């Protein structure tokens, strides 16, 4: 996170999750008709679970203080790698991991994704631990707009009128927020662009790797740097891993589970729900982060900032209306095609 939230409001997930080849999800006819209603309910529960966990992540970082952003992220990487190794062992997926490591294109993409998510994690953790959680939530509100913008700039996509309107309103919102903060909201923009690019890179990998394989490769790439950071912090007396009691020690170690579980939930949700629904669910996380910042951390919101956030929410409303309209048109087109075929 939301660091692990979808990188676009329509079609990209942070996990690259896809059904395993040969599974019922990959071959729906293998076990007869799929129980759609039950599957959708399960998908909703998994999706809400993932986004609620991501939305409450600032509380976890708060209780880890006085650990700083670098130490938290370094521990998160190292213990996530160990947890992923355990999961891969239990699921007997070492061959799948080996295949991902041998595929230069897949490994290269995941290595780039690893550095992008490291920037995202560091910025997010820094923001939360320095009393700027409101601005971190702003980054994930802006993220869908950035993803649409990347589609235009990188993929040369043509935007629909409502999408153009949303992007335009988003630019105005950044201007208003820059005025209200007295500076460019660099934390929010770094989060939005780093995660937008992360989602773009992961989308290039597509269905070649599942969630755990992807996270495993990414943490393998970052683990040497994370280990060095932990050693340097310990040598300089700045590490809190072993100096703040047993509770703090185990909370830091739990970062591996706390990182992986929402990703697993999201992967399970993405297999069961249309991406339109996933796109709407993604707003759970920044809304919860925003509420935590205001109600728990007691961060201040000036009138100018409320206006800036309001403009951002207007842009998201336009984007959501466009997304729902596009989904409805696609559904009608599919039904018409089926009637013609019948």
Protein backbone atom coordinates (compact mmCIF):
# COMPACT_ATOMS: atom_id res chain seq x y z
CA UNK A 1 0.00 0.00 0.00
CA UNK A 2 -2.09 0.60 -0.45
CA UNK A 3 0.90 0.45 -0.85
CA UNK A 4 -0.50 -2.64 -2.33
CA UNK A 5 -3.62 -1.13 -3.83
CA UNK A 6 -4.42 -1.41 -7.56
CA UNK A 7 -2.38 0.87 -9.68
CA UNK A 8 -5.33 1.85 -11.82
CA UNK A 9 -8.97 2.23 -11.12
CA UNK A 10 -9.92 -0.18 -13.84
CA UNK A 11 -7.55 -2.94 -14.77
CA UNK A 12 -4.27 -3.22 -12.92
CA UNK A 13 -3.45 -5.01 -9.67
CA UNK A 14 -0.31 -4.66 -7.58
CA UNK A 15 0.23 -8.35 -7.39
CA UNK A 16 0.12 -9.54 -10.94
CA UNK A 17 -2.11 -12.23 -9.49
CA UNK A 18 -3.62 -14.75 -11.86
CA UNK A 19 -5.01 -18.24 -11.62
CA UNK A 20 -2.44 -20.99 -11.66
CA UNK A 21 -2.27 -22.81 -15.00
CA UNK A 22 -4.51 -25.82 -14.96
CA UNK A 23 -6.50 -24.65 -11.95
CA UNK A 24 -10.30 -24.43 -12.03
CA UNK A 25 -9.97 -20.66 -12.32
CA UNK A 26 -7.81 -21.14 -15.39
CA UNK A 27 -10.15 -23.76 -16.86
CA UNK A 28 -13.71 -23.06 -15.70
CA UNK A 29 -15.08 -26.19 -17.37
CA UNK A 30 -12.84 -28.47 -15.36
CA UNK A 31 -15.27 -28.73 -12.44
CA UNK A 32 -18.57 -27.72 -13.97
CA UNK A 33 -20.34 -24.38 -13.70
CA UNK A 34 -18.83 -21.89 -11.29
CA UNK A 35 -21.09 -20.88 -8.36
CA UNK A 36 -21.11 -17.20 -9.37
CA UNK A 37 -23.01 -15.70 -6.44
CA UNK A 38 -20.96 -17.53 -3.82
CA UNK A 39 -17.75 -16.74 -5.67
CA UNK A 40 -18.64 -13.05 -5.87
CA UNK A 41 -19.44 -12.88 -2.15
CA UNK A 42 -16.13 -14.56 -1.34
CA UNK A 43 -14.32 -12.19 -3.66
CA UNK A 44 -15.93 -9.17 -2.01
CA UNK A 45 -14.92 -10.40 1.45
CA UNK A 46 -11.33 -10.99 0.34
CA UNK A 47 -11.21 -7.60 -1.41
CA UNK A 48 -12.63 -5.68 1.53
CA UNK A 49 -10.25 -7.56 3.85
CA UNK A 50 -7.25 -6.58 1.73
CA UNK A 51 -8.16 -2.91 1.51
CA UNK A 52 -9.11 -2.61 5.18
CA UNK A 53 -5.72 -4.07 6.16
CA UNK A 54 -3.94 -1.65 3.82
CA UNK A 55 -6.05 1.22 5.12
CA UNK A 56 -5.14 0.47 8.74
CA UNK A 57 -1.43 0.08 7.98
CA UNK A 58 -0.56 3.53 9.42
CA UNK A 59 -1.60 2.24 12.86
CA UNK A 60 0.97 -0.54 12.57
CA UNK A 61 3.74 1.90 11.65
CA UNK A 62 2.67 4.15 14.51
CA UNK A 63 3.08 1.42 17.14
CA UNK A 64 6.51 0.54 15.68
CA UNK A 65 7.88 3.96 16.65
CA UNK A 66 10.59 4.96 17.51
CA UNK A 67 11.69 2.84 14.53
CA UNK A 68 12.25 5.07 11.50
CA UNK A 69 11.20 4.60 7.89
CA UNK A 70 14.46 2.95 6.74
CA UNK A 71 14.46 0.41 9.58
CA UNK A 72 10.78 -0.43 9.14
CA UNK A 73 11.12 -0.95 5.38
CA UNK A 74 14.36 -2.95 5.76
CA UNK A 75 12.72 -5.28 8.26
CA UNK A 76 9.63 -5.50 6.10
CA UNK A 77 11.70 -6.68 3.13
CA UNK A 78 13.77 -9.24 5.05
CA UNK A 79 10.90 -10.82 6.99
CA UNK A 80 8.61 -10.77 3.94
CA UNK A 81 11.22 -12.78 2.07
CA UNK A 82 11.36 -15.38 4.84
CA UNK A 83 7.58 -15.59 5.00
CA UNK A 84 7.36 -15.98 1.22
CA UNK A 85 9.98 -18.76 1.36
CA UNK A 86 7.79 -20.55 3.91
CA UNK A 87 4.70 -20.16 1.72
CA UNK A 88 6.55 -21.36 -1.37
CA UNK A 89 7.76 -24.40 0.55
CA UNK A 90 4.26 -25.21 1.82
CA UNK A 91 2.72 -24.78 -1.65
CA UNK A 92 5.66 -26.55 -3.35
CA UNK A 93 6.10 -23.67 -5.78
CA UNK A 94 9.92 -23.56 -5.95
CA UNK A 95 9.82 -24.58 -9.61
CA UNK A 96 7.55 -21.65 -10.41
CA UNK A 97 9.93 -19.29 -8.60
CA UNK A 98 12.89 -20.80 -10.43
CA UNK A 99 11.18 -20.30 -13.78
CA UNK A 100 10.55 -16.62 -12.94
CA UNK A 101 14.19 -16.11 -11.99
CA UNK A 102 15.40 -17.73 -15.23
CA UNK A 103 13.12 -15.68 -17.46
CA UNK A 104 15.16 -12.52 -18.10
CA UNK A 105 12.18 -10.45 -19.14
CA UNK A 106 10.13 -11.42 -16.09
CA UNK A 107 13.06 -11.02 -13.69
CA UNK A 108 14.04 -7.67 -15.18
CA UNK A 109 10.50 -6.34 -14.88
CA UNK A 110 10.18 -7.56 -11.28
CA UNK A 111 13.58 -6.09 -10.38
CA UNK A 112 12.45 -2.70 -11.68
CA UNK A 113 9.15 -3.13 -9.83
CA UNK A 114 11.10 -3.90 -6.66
CA UNK A 115 12.94 -0.57 -6.72
CA UNK A 116 9.73 1.31 -7.49
CA UNK A 117 7.89 -0.31 -4.58
CA UNK A 118 10.89 0.36 -2.33
CA UNK A 119 10.59 4.08 -3.14
CA UNK A 120 6.86 3.82 -2.46
CA UNK A 121 7.29 2.00 0.87
CA UNK A 122 10.00 4.37 2.10
CA UNK A 123 8.01 7.46 1.19
CA UNK A 124 4.81 6.08 2.71
CA UNK A 125 6.47 5.00 5.94
CA UNK A 126 8.33 8.31 6.21
CA UNK A 127 5.08 10.20 5.76
CA UNK A 128 3.22 8.23 8.42
CA UNK A 129 6.05 8.29 10.98
CA UNK A 130 6.63 12.05 10.60
CA UNK A 131 3.03 13.15 11.13
CA UNK A 132 2.05 13.49 7.46
CA UNK A 133 -0.41 10.60 7.12
CA UNK A 134 -3.04 12.88 5.57
CA UNK A 135 -0.70 13.58 2.67
CA UNK A 136 0.06 9.88 2.25
CA UNK A 137 -3.66 9.19 1.87
CA UNK A 138 -3.77 11.95 -0.74
CA UNK A 139 -1.14 10.06 -2.74
CA UNK A 140 -3.42 7.05 -3.07
CA UNK A 141 -6.43 9.21 -3.90
CA UNK A 142 -4.38 10.75 -6.74
CA UNK A 143 -3.00 7.40 -7.90
CA UNK A 144 -5.89 6.44 -10.27
CA UNK A 145 -5.52 9.82 -12.00
CA UNK A 146 -1.79 9.28 -12.40
CA UNK A 147 -2.41 5.83 -13.85
CA UNK A 148 -4.78 7.30 -16.44
CA UNK A 149 -2.17 9.95 -17.26
CA UNK A 150 0.50 7.26 -17.67
CA UNK A 151 -1.80 5.48 -20.09
CA UNK A 152 -1.80 8.59 -22.27
CA UNK A 153 1.91 9.41 -22.00
CA UNK A 154 3.38 5.90 -22.13
CA UNK A 155 0.80 3.72 -23.88
CA UNK A 156 -0.58 6.49 -26.12
CA UNK A 157 -4.12 5.61 -25.06
CA UNK A 158 -7.03 7.80 -26.10
CA UNK A 159 -9.05 9.08 -23.20
CA UNK A 160 -12.80 9.46 -23.10
CA UNK A 161 -14.22 12.93 -22.28
CA UNK A 162 -14.91 12.14 -18.61
CA UNK A 163 -11.38 10.79 -18.20
CA UNK A 164 -9.93 14.00 -19.65
CA UNK A 165 -12.15 15.99 -17.30
CA UNK A 166 -10.96 13.94 -14.32
CA UNK A 167 -7.30 14.46 -15.22
CA UNK A 168 -7.87 18.19 -15.70
CA UNK A 169 -9.63 18.51 -12.35
CA UNK A 170 -6.80 16.49 -10.78
CA UNK A 171 -4.22 18.99 -12.08
CA UNK A 172 -6.26 21.83 -10.60
CA UNK A 173 -6.38 19.90 -7.29
CA UNK A 174 -2.59 19.63 -7.17
CA UNK A 175 -2.37 23.39 -7.72
CA UNK A 176 -4.84 24.08 -4.89
CA UNK A 177 -3.01 21.68 -2.56
CA UNK A 178 0.37 23.19 -3.43
CA UNK A 179 -1.03 26.56 -2.38
CA UNK A 180 -2.54 25.14 0.83
CA UNK A 181 0.64 23.29 1.85
CA UNK A 182 2.90 26.16 0.84
CA UNK A 183 4.95 23.66 -1.17
CA UNK A 184 4.49 20.94 -3.73
CA UNK A 185 2.88 17.93 -1.97
CA UNK A 186 5.91 15.79 -2.85
CA UNK A 187 5.00 12.89 -0.57
CA UNK A 188 1.61 12.46 -2.25
CA UNK A 189 3.03 12.87 -5.75
CA UNK A 190 5.94 10.48 -5.09
CA UNK A 191 3.50 7.85 -3.79
CA UNK A 192 1.12 8.31 -6.70
CA UNK A 193 3.77 8.20 -9.44
CA UNK A 194 5.90 5.44 -7.89
CA UNK A 195 2.87 3.20 -7.46
CA UNK A 196 1.46 4.14 -10.84
CA UNK A 197 4.75 3.14 -12.50
CA UNK A 198 4.91 0.03 -10.32
CA UNK A 199 1.47 -1.01 -11.54
CA UNK A 200 2.47 -0.31 -15.13
CA UNK A 201 5.59 -2.49 -14.84
CA UNK A 202 3.66 -5.29 -13.12
CA UNK A 203 1.02 -5.12 -15.83
CA UNK A 204 3.75 -5.79 -18.38
CA UNK A 205 4.50 -9.06 -16.60
CA UNK A 206 0.80 -9.92 -16.71
CA UNK A 207 -0.17 -13.46 -15.83
CA UNK A 208 3.35 -14.91 -15.97
CA UNK A 209 3.76 -14.85 -12.18
CA UNK A 210 1.38 -15.16 -9.26
CA UNK A 211 1.26 -12.91 -6.20
CA UNK A 212 3.64 -14.86 -3.95
CA UNK A 213 6.19 -15.50 -6.71
CA UNK A 214 6.13 -11.83 -7.63
CA UNK A 215 6.56 -10.66 -4.03
CA UNK A 216 9.31 -13.26 -3.49
CA UNK A 217 11.36 -12.06 -6.47
CA UNK A 218 10.90 -8.42 -5.52
CA UNK A 219 12.00 -9.00 -1.94
CA UNK A 220 14.94 -11.14 -3.12
CA UNK A 221 16.14 -8.17 -5.19
CA UNK A 222 15.79 -5.78 -2.25
CA UNK A 223 16.93 -8.13 0.53
CA UNK A 224 20.72 -7.50 0.20
CA UNK A 225 20.17 -3.73 0.47
CA UNK A 226 17.75 -4.22 3.34
CA UNK A 227 20.19 -6.47 5.20
CA UNK A 228 22.99 -3.92 4.76
CA UNK A 229 20.68 -1.19 6.08
CA UNK A 230 19.85 -3.29 9.15
CA UNK A 231 23.56 -3.94 9.84
CA UNK A 232 24.48 -0.26 9.42
CA UNK A 233 21.67 0.83 11.75
CA UNK A 234 22.71 -1.76 14.35
CA UNK A 235 26.39 -0.77 14.11
CA UNK A 236 25.49 2.89 14.56
CA UNK A 237 23.27 2.20 17.56
CA UNK A 238 20.20 3.41 15.66
CA UNK A 239 18.43 0.04 15.39
CA UNK A 240 15.39 -0.57 17.57
CA UNK A 241 14.92 -4.23 16.68
CA UNK A 242 16.50 -5.55 19.87
CA UNK A 243 16.50 -2.43 22.04
CA UNK A 244 12.79 -1.81 22.64
CA UNK A 245 11.72 -5.05 24.27
CA UNK A 246 10.29 -8.36 23.10
CA UNK A 247 6.98 -6.88 21.97
CA UNK A 248 8.66 -4.45 19.59
CA UNK A 249 10.93 -7.22 18.29
CA UNK A 250 8.03 -9.50 17.39
CA UNK A 251 6.02 -6.65 15.91
CA UNK A 252 8.87 -5.87 13.52
CA UNK A 253 9.20 -9.56 12.60
CA UNK A 254 5.45 -9.66 11.93
CA UNK A 255 5.96 -7.20 9.06
CA UNK A 256 6.50 -10.15 6.74
CA UNK A 257 3.03 -11.53 7.46
CA UNK A 258 1.47 -8.06 7.46
CA UNK A 259 2.93 -7.41 4.01
CA UNK A 260 1.99 -10.75 2.44
CA UNK A 261 -1.51 -11.41 3.81
CA UNK A 262 -3.27 -8.42 2.14
CA UNK A 263 -1.56 -9.33 -1.15
CA UNK A 264 -2.91 -12.87 -0.87
CA UNK A 265 -6.37 -11.53 -0.07
CA UNK A 266 -6.18 -9.20 -3.06
CA UNK A 267 -5.07 -12.02 -5.35
CA UNK A 268 -8.02 -14.15 -4.20
CA UNK A 269 -10.37 -11.22 -4.76
CA UNK A 270 -9.02 -10.34 -8.21
CA UNK A 271 -9.69 -13.91 -9.40
CA UNK A 272 -13.36 -13.67 -8.43
CA UNK A 273 -14.43 -10.09 -9.14
CA UNK A 274 -14.63 -7.95 -12.28
CA UNK A 275 -12.00 -5.22 -12.36
CA UNK A 276 -14.71 -2.55 -12.18
CA UNK A 277 -15.60 -3.80 -8.70
CA UNK A 278 -11.92 -4.01 -7.74
CA UNK A 279 -11.51 -0.43 -8.95
CA UNK A 280 -14.30 0.76 -6.65
CA UNK A 281 -13.05 -1.25 -3.67
CA UNK A 282 -9.64 0.42 -3.91
CA UNK A 283 -11.00 3.63 -2.38
CA UNK A 284 -11.45 1.80 0.94
CA UNK A 285 -7.72 2.11 1.70
CA UNK A 286 -7.10 5.87 1.28
CA UNK A 287 -10.43 6.69 2.95
CA UNK A 288 -9.41 4.63 6.00
CA UNK A 289 -5.92 6.16 5.98
CA UNK A 290 -7.46 9.63 5.84
CA UNK A 291 -9.79 8.86 8.76
CA UNK A 292 -6.95 7.36 10.82
CA UNK A 293 -4.85 10.49 10.20
CA UNK A 294 -7.67 12.79 11.31
CA UNK A 295 -9.30 10.81 14.13
CA UNK A 296 -6.39 8.86 15.61
CA UNK A 297 -3.28 10.90 14.79
CA UNK A 298 -5.18 14.21 15.11
CA UNK A 299 -3.48 15.78 12.10
CA UNK A 300 -4.78 19.20 11.16
CA UNK A 301 -6.75 20.07 8.02
CA UNK A 302 -6.98 23.71 7.00
CA UNK A 303 -9.88 25.05 4.94
CA UNK A 304 -7.58 25.24 1.91
CA UNK A 305 -6.63 21.58 2.28
CA UNK A 306 -10.28 20.55 2.58
CA UNK A 307 -10.93 22.41 -0.66
CA UNK A 308 -7.95 20.67 -2.32
CA UNK A 309 -9.12 17.23 -1.18
CA UNK A 310 -12.64 18.08 -2.32
CA UNK A 311 -11.36 18.84 -5.81
CA UNK A 312 -9.46 15.51 -5.81
CA UNK A 313 -12.63 13.68 -4.80
CA UNK A 314 -14.52 15.42 -7.61
CA UNK A 315 -11.92 14.14 -10.08
CA UNK A 316 -12.31 10.62 -8.67
CA UNK A 317 -16.08 10.89 -8.95
CA UNK A 318 -15.74 11.74 -12.65
CA UNK A 319 -13.33 8.84 -13.13
CA UNK A 320 -15.67 6.44 -11.32
CA UNK A 321 -18.68 7.54 -13.39
CA UNK A 322 -16.66 6.96 -16.56
CA UNK A 323 -15.57 3.54 -15.33
CA UNK A 324 -19.13 2.48 -14.49
CA UNK A 325 -20.39 3.81 -17.81
CA UNK A 326 -17.72 1.92 -19.73
CA UNK A 327 -18.51 -1.29 -17.82
CA UNK A 328 -22.22 -0.91 -18.61
CA UNK A 329 -21.55 -0.31 -22.30
CA UNK A 330 -19.25 -3.34 -22.46
CA UNK A 331 -21.89 -5.48 -20.73
CA UNK A 332 -24.59 -4.37 -23.17
CA UNK A 333 -22.26 -5.03 -26.12
CA UNK A 334 -21.54 -8.55 -24.87
CA UNK A 335 -25.24 -9.29 -24.43
CA UNK A 336 -25.98 -8.02 -27.95
CA UNK A 337 -23.19 -10.18 -29.35
CA UNK A 338 -24.58 -13.23 -27.56
CA UNK A 339 -28.07 -12.58 -28.90
CA UNK A 340 -26.70 -12.26 -32.44
CA UNK A 341 -24.68 -15.47 -32.01
CA UNK A 342 -27.77 -17.28 -30.72
